[in-house]
Every structure is written in C-alpha cells, then in structure tokens.
Protein backbone atom coordinates (compact mmCIF):
# COMPACT_ATOMS: atom_id res chain seq x y z
CA MET A 1 21.37 2.65 -8.07
CA THR A 2 18.06 2.44 -6.21
CA THR A 3 14.77 1.73 -7.93
CA LEU A 4 13.68 5.33 -7.44
CA GLU A 5 16.93 6.58 -8.97
CA LYS A 6 16.40 4.28 -11.95
CA ILE A 7 12.86 5.58 -12.43
CA LYS A 8 14.10 9.18 -12.28
CA CYS A 9 16.78 8.33 -14.83
CA LEU A 10 14.14 6.83 -17.12
CA GLU A 11 12.00 9.92 -16.62
CA GLU A 12 14.88 12.13 -17.72
CA TYR A 13 15.52 9.88 -20.71
CA VAL A 14 11.89 10.07 -21.80
CA ALA A 15 11.69 13.81 -21.15
CA ILE A 16 14.58 14.50 -23.54
CA ASN A 17 12.63 13.29 -26.54
CA ASN A 18 9.32 11.58 -25.90
CA SER A 19 8.73 10.99 -29.61
CA VAL A 20 11.57 8.47 -29.96
CA VAL A 21 10.87 6.33 -26.91
CA ASP A 22 10.95 2.66 -27.80
CA SER A 23 7.54 0.98 -27.64
CA VAL A 24 9.12 -1.78 -25.54
CA ILE A 25 9.61 0.74 -22.74
CA GLU A 26 5.94 1.70 -22.84
CA ILE A 27 4.78 -1.92 -22.91
CA THR A 28 7.12 -2.80 -20.04
CA ILE A 29 5.96 0.11 -17.92
CA ASN A 30 2.31 -0.82 -18.52
CA LYS A 31 3.01 -4.41 -17.46
CA LEU A 32 4.90 -3.30 -14.36
CA LEU A 33 2.09 -0.96 -13.33
CA ALA A 34 -0.53 -3.68 -13.88
CA ARG A 35 1.56 -6.13 -11.84
CA GLU A 36 1.99 -3.64 -9.02
CA PHE A 37 -1.75 -2.84 -9.03
CA GLU A 38 -2.52 -6.56 -8.71
CA ARG A 39 0.02 -7.00 -5.88
CA VAL A 40 -1.39 -4.02 -3.99
CA SER A 41 -4.97 -5.24 -4.55
CA GLU A 42 -4.12 -8.65 -3.10
CA LEU A 43 -2.38 -7.09 -0.11
CA LYS A 44 -5.35 -4.78 0.47
CA ALA A 45 -7.77 -7.73 0.45
CA ARG A 46 -5.57 -9.67 2.91
CA LEU A 47 -5.32 -6.69 5.28
CA ILE A 48 -9.08 -6.09 5.15
CA ASN A 49 -9.61 -9.74 6.05
CA ASP A 50 -7.13 -9.50 8.95
CA ILE A 51 -8.86 -6.38 10.26
CA SER A 52 -12.24 -8.06 9.99
CA GLU A 53 -10.96 -10.91 12.16
CA PHE A 54 -9.75 -8.46 14.83
CA GLU A 55 -13.10 -6.64 14.76
CA LYS A 56 -14.98 -9.91 15.22
CA GLN A 57 -12.69 -11.09 17.99
CA TYR A 58 -12.88 -7.87 20.00
CA VAL A 59 -16.38 -6.73 18.87
CA LEU A 60 -15.00 -3.30 18.04
CA LYS A 61 -14.69 -1.34 14.79
CA SER A 62 -11.15 -0.56 13.76
CA ASP A 63 -11.74 3.21 13.68
CA ASP A 64 -12.91 3.15 17.30
CA PHE A 65 -10.11 0.78 18.30
CA TYR A 66 -7.42 2.88 16.65
CA GLN A 67 -8.61 6.13 18.27
CA LYS A 68 -8.57 4.48 21.69
CA TYR A 69 -5.22 2.82 21.01
CA GLU A 70 -3.60 6.09 19.89
CA LYS A 71 -4.90 7.84 23.03
CA GLY A 72 -3.33 5.13 25.19
CA MET A 73 -6.72 3.91 26.40
CA LEU A 74 -5.91 0.26 25.55
CA ALA A 75 -3.19 -2.08 26.71
CA ASP A 76 -0.17 -2.73 24.53
CA SER A 77 -1.03 -6.39 24.09
CA MET A 78 0.51 -8.13 21.11
CA ASP A 79 -2.89 -8.36 19.40
CA PHE A 80 -3.48 -4.64 19.77
CA VAL A 81 -0.02 -3.76 18.47
CA GLU A 82 -0.59 -6.04 15.48
CA TRP A 83 -4.09 -4.65 14.91
CA ALA A 84 -2.81 -1.05 14.99
CA ALA A 85 0.00 -1.94 12.58
CA THR A 86 -2.50 -3.62 10.26
CA VAL A 87 -4.74 -0.53 10.29
CA GLU A 88 -1.73 1.64 9.42
CA MET A 89 -0.61 -0.74 6.68
CA LEU A 90 -4.09 -0.70 5.16
CA GLU A 91 -4.10 3.10 5.06
CA ASN A 92 -0.75 3.07 3.26
CA VAL A 93 -1.97 0.43 0.82
CA LYS A 94 -5.11 2.47 0.10
CA ARG A 95 -2.91 5.45 -0.81
CA GLN A 96 -0.80 3.23 -3.08
CA HIS A 97 -3.92 1.73 -4.64
CA LYS A 98 -5.22 5.20 -5.55
CA LEU A 99 -1.98 5.86 -7.46
CA SER A 100 -2.32 2.72 -9.54
C-alpha cells in the first residue's frame, strides 16, 4: 500500500466517526505535519541559496534566466540544466510549503 493509499484509508476511517478518533492519531498527524513543514523549509532555504549562487555567477536573475532557457536562447550547459532544475524544484517546494 502506498503512502497516499494509507492516507486515504485513514481519511475514510476518520470520516466514519470523527468523534471516536484516538487522540494518538491526532497527535501523530500533527507531529508528521510539523516534521514535513520543517523538512520543506530546509529544502526551500537550500534551493534559494543554490539559486543565489547561480545568479551571482552568471549575473542574471533566475526569472530572466529561466525565460531565456525555456525559449532555447541559452546553451544546454550542465550549469544551465542544473539551474533550470533548481528553479523548478523551488517552485514545487513553494507549493508544498503553502500546504503546510
């Protein structure tokens, strides 16, 4: 069973009768969410730092870089591929962070 399937199963369990849910479940969920928020926050900080290093090295803001990269205006050097991937990862992490 995948993690998502387990969460859906727990959701169904809680939906059946929310008034009898064990407090341990609530405490555990709160701890898991706090842990995930911390993990995502640390990843976000690391990605922001990585992007800052690329911007310094190439004297170019990531928004401008990414637009040019997506239009094929820049070479596919390893740095640029990594920079583009880092920009995309940061956007995903920002969406996750909003959910936390």
